[in-house]
N, C-alpha and C. Protein backbone atom coordinates (compact mmCIF):
# COMPACT_ATOMS: atom_id res chain seq x y z
N UNK A 1 0.74 -1.24 0.11
CA UNK A 1 -0.13 -0.03 0.09
C UNK A 1 1.00 1.45 0.04
N UNK A 2 0.58 2.41 -1.00
CA UNK A 2 1.46 3.43 -0.99
C UNK A 2 1.58 4.11 0.49
N UNK A 3 0.79 4.11 1.18
CA UNK A 3 0.37 5.29 2.31
C UNK A 3 1.12 4.49 3.17
N UNK A 4 1.13 3.15 3.38
CA UNK A 4 1.87 2.75 4.51
C UNK A 4 4.02 2.30 3.89
N UNK A 5 4.18 2.64 2.69
CA UNK A 5 5.08 2.95 2.46
C UNK A 5 5.95 4.36 2.79
N UNK A 6 4.64 5.16 2.45
CA UNK A 6 5.23 6.81 2.38
C UNK A 6 5.74 7.25 3.96
N UNK A 7 4.88 6.72 4.72
CA UNK A 7 4.58 6.83 6.17
C UNK A 7 5.88 6.31 7.31
N UNK A 8 5.85 5.22 6.34
CA UNK A 8 7.47 4.52 6.87
C UNK A 8 8.52 5.32 6.13
N UNK A 9 8.62 5.33 5.32
CA UNK A 9 9.96 6.16 4.75
C UNK A 9 9.59 7.43 5.39
N UNK A 10 9.11 8.31 5.82
CA UNK A 10 8.69 9.39 6.60
C UNK A 10 9.47 9.16 7.68
N UNK A 11 8.67 7.98 8.36
CA UNK A 11 9.53 7.61 9.86
C UNK A 11 10.56 6.94 10.47
N UNK A 12 11.10 6.81 8.91
CA UNK A 12 12.91 6.12 9.53
C UNK A 12 13.69 7.05 8.66
N UNK A 13 13.85 8.60 8.43
CA UNK A 13 14.39 9.68 7.98
C UNK A 13 14.46 10.75 9.23
N UNK A 14 15.52 10.65 10.32
CA UNK A 14 16.00 11.68 10.68
C UNK A 14 15.37 13.05 10.62
N UNK A 15 15.49 13.64 9.56
CA UNK A 15 15.52 14.71 8.82
C UNK A 15 14.09 15.15 8.56
N UNK A 16 13.00 14.17 9.05
CA UNK A 16 11.49 14.52 9.22
C UNK A 16 11.63 15.33 10.27
N UNK A 17 11.35 16.18 10.95
CA UNK A 17 10.77 17.06 12.35
C UNK A 17 8.87 16.27 12.13
N UNK A 18 8.84 16.76 11.54
CA UNK A 18 7.04 16.79 11.50
C UNK A 18 6.45 16.81 9.93
N UNK A 19 6.03 15.99 10.03
CA UNK A 19 4.66 15.32 8.95
C UNK A 19 2.89 15.12 9.07
N UNK A 20 2.59 15.80 8.28
CA UNK A 20 0.65 16.51 8.48
C UNK A 20 0.28 15.76 7.71
N UNK A 21 -0.66 15.11 7.86
CA UNK A 21 -1.72 15.01 6.75
C UNK A 21 -2.93 16.30 6.31
N UNK A 22 -2.83 16.88 5.42
CA UNK A 22 -3.98 18.00 5.68
C UNK A 22 -5.32 18.34 4.79
N UNK A 23 -5.66 18.79 4.96
CA UNK A 23 -7.45 19.07 3.89
C UNK A 23 -6.96 19.63 2.62
N UNK A 24 -7.25 19.69 1.97
CA UNK A 24 -6.93 20.68 0.70
C UNK A 24 -6.65 20.30 -0.45
N UNK A 25 -6.32 21.03 -1.33
CA UNK A 25 -5.39 21.14 -2.52
C UNK A 25 -3.96 20.12 -2.52
N UNK A 26 -3.33 20.22 -1.29
CA UNK A 26 -1.79 19.56 -1.30
C UNK A 26 -2.29 18.38 0.13
N UNK A 27 -1.93 16.81 -0.47
CA UNK A 27 -2.03 16.38 0.95
C UNK A 27 -1.48 16.14 2.27
N UNK A 28 0.04 16.34 1.76
CA UNK A 28 0.99 16.04 2.82
C UNK A 28 1.49 17.40 3.45
N UNK A 29 1.93 17.90 4.34
CA UNK A 29 3.34 19.03 4.60
C UNK A 29 4.20 18.76 5.37
N UNK A 30 6.11 18.31 5.16
CA UNK A 30 6.55 17.85 5.95
C UNK A 30 7.42 19.49 6.44
N UNK A 31 8.12 19.20 7.31
CA UNK A 31 8.93 19.78 8.27
C UNK A 31 10.37 18.89 8.15
N UNK A 32 10.98 19.22 7.42
CA UNK A 32 12.21 19.16 7.23
C UNK A 32 13.80 19.98 7.69
N UNK A 33 14.32 19.23 8.87
CA UNK A 33 15.59 19.87 9.02
C UNK A 33 17.28 19.09 8.09
N UNK A 34 17.76 20.51 7.10
CA UNK A 34 19.10 19.31 6.47
C UNK A 34 19.82 21.00 6.54
N UNK A 35 21.00 20.31 6.00
CA UNK A 35 22.07 21.37 6.37
C UNK A 35 22.08 22.27 5.07
N UNK A 36 21.94 22.22 4.18
CA UNK A 36 21.96 23.22 2.87
C UNK A 36 21.05 23.18 1.49
N UNK A 37 20.89 23.01 0.54
CA UNK A 37 20.53 22.79 -0.44
C UNK A 37 20.73 21.34 -1.48
N UNK A 38 21.89 20.77 -0.84
CA UNK A 38 22.71 19.56 -1.67
C UNK A 38 21.60 18.56 -0.57
N UNK A 39 21.79 19.11 0.93
CA UNK A 39 21.70 17.85 1.60
C UNK A 39 19.77 17.77 1.48
N UNK A 40 19.35 18.99 0.98
CA UNK A 40 18.12 18.75 0.99
C UNK A 40 17.53 17.74 -0.43
N UNK A 41 18.42 17.74 -1.70
CA UNK A 41 18.63 17.52 -2.45
C UNK A 41 18.53 15.91 -2.55
N UNK A 42 19.35 15.51 -1.85
CA UNK A 42 19.94 14.16 -1.21
C UNK A 42 18.59 13.62 -0.44
N UNK A 43 18.49 13.98 0.38
CA UNK A 43 17.20 13.73 1.42
C UNK A 43 16.30 13.57 0.32
N UNK A 44 15.56 14.54 -0.48
CA UNK A 44 14.42 13.92 -1.73
C UNK A 44 14.69 13.10 -2.80
N UNK A 45 15.80 13.44 -3.47
CA UNK A 45 16.41 11.57 -3.82
C UNK A 45 16.25 10.71 -3.29
N UNK A 46 16.20 10.43 -2.22
CA UNK A 46 16.43 8.75 -1.29
C UNK A 46 14.84 9.04 -0.98
N UNK A 47 14.37 9.89 -0.49
CA UNK A 47 12.87 9.49 -0.52
C UNK A 47 12.24 8.81 -1.76
N UNK A 48 12.17 9.56 -2.73
CA UNK A 48 11.63 9.65 -3.90
C UNK A 48 12.21 8.28 -4.45
N UNK A 49 13.00 8.04 -4.18
CA UNK A 49 13.87 6.14 -4.32
C UNK A 49 12.83 4.93 -4.08
N UNK A 50 12.53 5.73 -2.67
CA UNK A 50 11.66 4.41 -2.39
C UNK A 50 10.37 4.66 -2.01
N UNK A 51 9.63 6.09 -2.60
CA UNK A 51 8.01 6.14 -2.47
C UNK A 51 7.94 7.13 -3.96
N UNK A 52 7.10 6.46 -4.60
CA UNK A 52 6.45 7.61 -5.84
C UNK A 52 6.02 8.55 -5.50
N UNK A 53 6.21 9.74 -5.43
CA UNK A 53 5.79 11.19 -5.47
C UNK A 53 5.19 11.52 -6.40
N UNK A 54 3.95 11.72 -7.04
CA UNK A 54 3.63 12.59 -7.88
C UNK A 54 4.20 14.14 -8.37
N UNK A 55 4.14 15.15 -7.28
CA UNK A 55 4.39 16.53 -7.22
C UNK A 55 4.93 16.75 -5.45
N UNK A 56 5.24 17.80 -6.16
CA UNK A 56 6.55 18.01 -4.61
C UNK A 56 6.74 19.45 -5.23
N UNK A 57 5.85 20.39 -4.19
CA UNK A 57 6.52 21.97 -3.45
C UNK A 57 7.42 22.35 -2.57
N UNK A 58 8.45 22.79 -3.19
CA UNK A 58 9.51 22.60 -1.70
C UNK A 58 9.34 24.32 -1.78
N UNK A 59 8.89 24.51 0.02
CA UNK A 59 9.62 26.16 0.82
C UNK A 59 10.47 25.92 0.92
N UNK A 60 11.99 26.59 1.31
CA UNK A 60 12.96 26.48 2.33
C UNK A 60 12.51 28.66 3.19
N UNK A 61 12.92 28.03 4.50
CA UNK A 61 12.74 28.78 5.24
C UNK A 61 14.09 30.06 5.19
N UNK A 62 14.40 30.95 5.23
CA UNK A 62 15.39 32.06 5.04
C UNK A 62 16.25 32.04 6.39
N UNK A 63 14.64 32.58 7.64
CA UNK A 63 14.99 32.94 8.95
C UNK A 63 13.88 32.13 9.65
N UNK A 64 14.39 31.78 10.31
CA UNK A 64 13.22 31.21 12.04
C UNK A 64 13.12 32.20 12.37
N UNK A 65 11.83 33.10 12.69
CA UNK A 65 11.55 34.25 13.64
C UNK A 65 10.84 33.72 14.59
N UNK A 66 10.16 32.24 14.72
CA UNK A 66 9.47 32.42 16.09
C UNK A 66 9.44 30.91 16.06
N UNK A 67 9.75 29.96 16.95
CA UNK A 67 9.30 28.59 17.23
C UNK A 67 9.01 28.54 18.33
N UNK A 68 7.61 27.89 18.80
CA UNK A 68 7.33 27.40 20.17
C UNK A 68 6.12 26.02 19.53
N UNK A 69 6.28 25.17 21.01
CA UNK A 69 4.65 24.83 20.83
C UNK A 69 4.03 24.52 22.29
N UNK A 70 4.40 25.85 23.14
CA UNK A 70 3.19 26.00 24.02
C UNK A 70 2.20 26.73 23.63
N UNK A 71 1.34 26.45 24.34
CA UNK A 71 -0.08 26.98 23.88
C UNK A 71 -0.40 27.74 25.01
N UNK A 72 -1.06 29.14 24.98
CA UNK A 72 -1.36 29.92 26.38
C UNK A 72 -2.68 28.90 26.55
N UNK A 73 -2.90 29.39 28.18
CA UNK A 73 -4.10 28.58 28.52
C UNK A 73 -5.24 29.49 28.78
């Protein structure tokens, strides 16, 4: 099953910090941390060699402005 293969590939990669299945035109969003663009390309090539992915859009963060997981109560 494609979804099982995809999820197993994500779980086995330490670069994947977060993975979400989302509603709308895009099925999944991944938060991936790599050292540079070359490392991202290596991650991407390894992922698509394991699982057939039809369309990928990559957005690169230029600067982290705020990052928290704390919620106000």
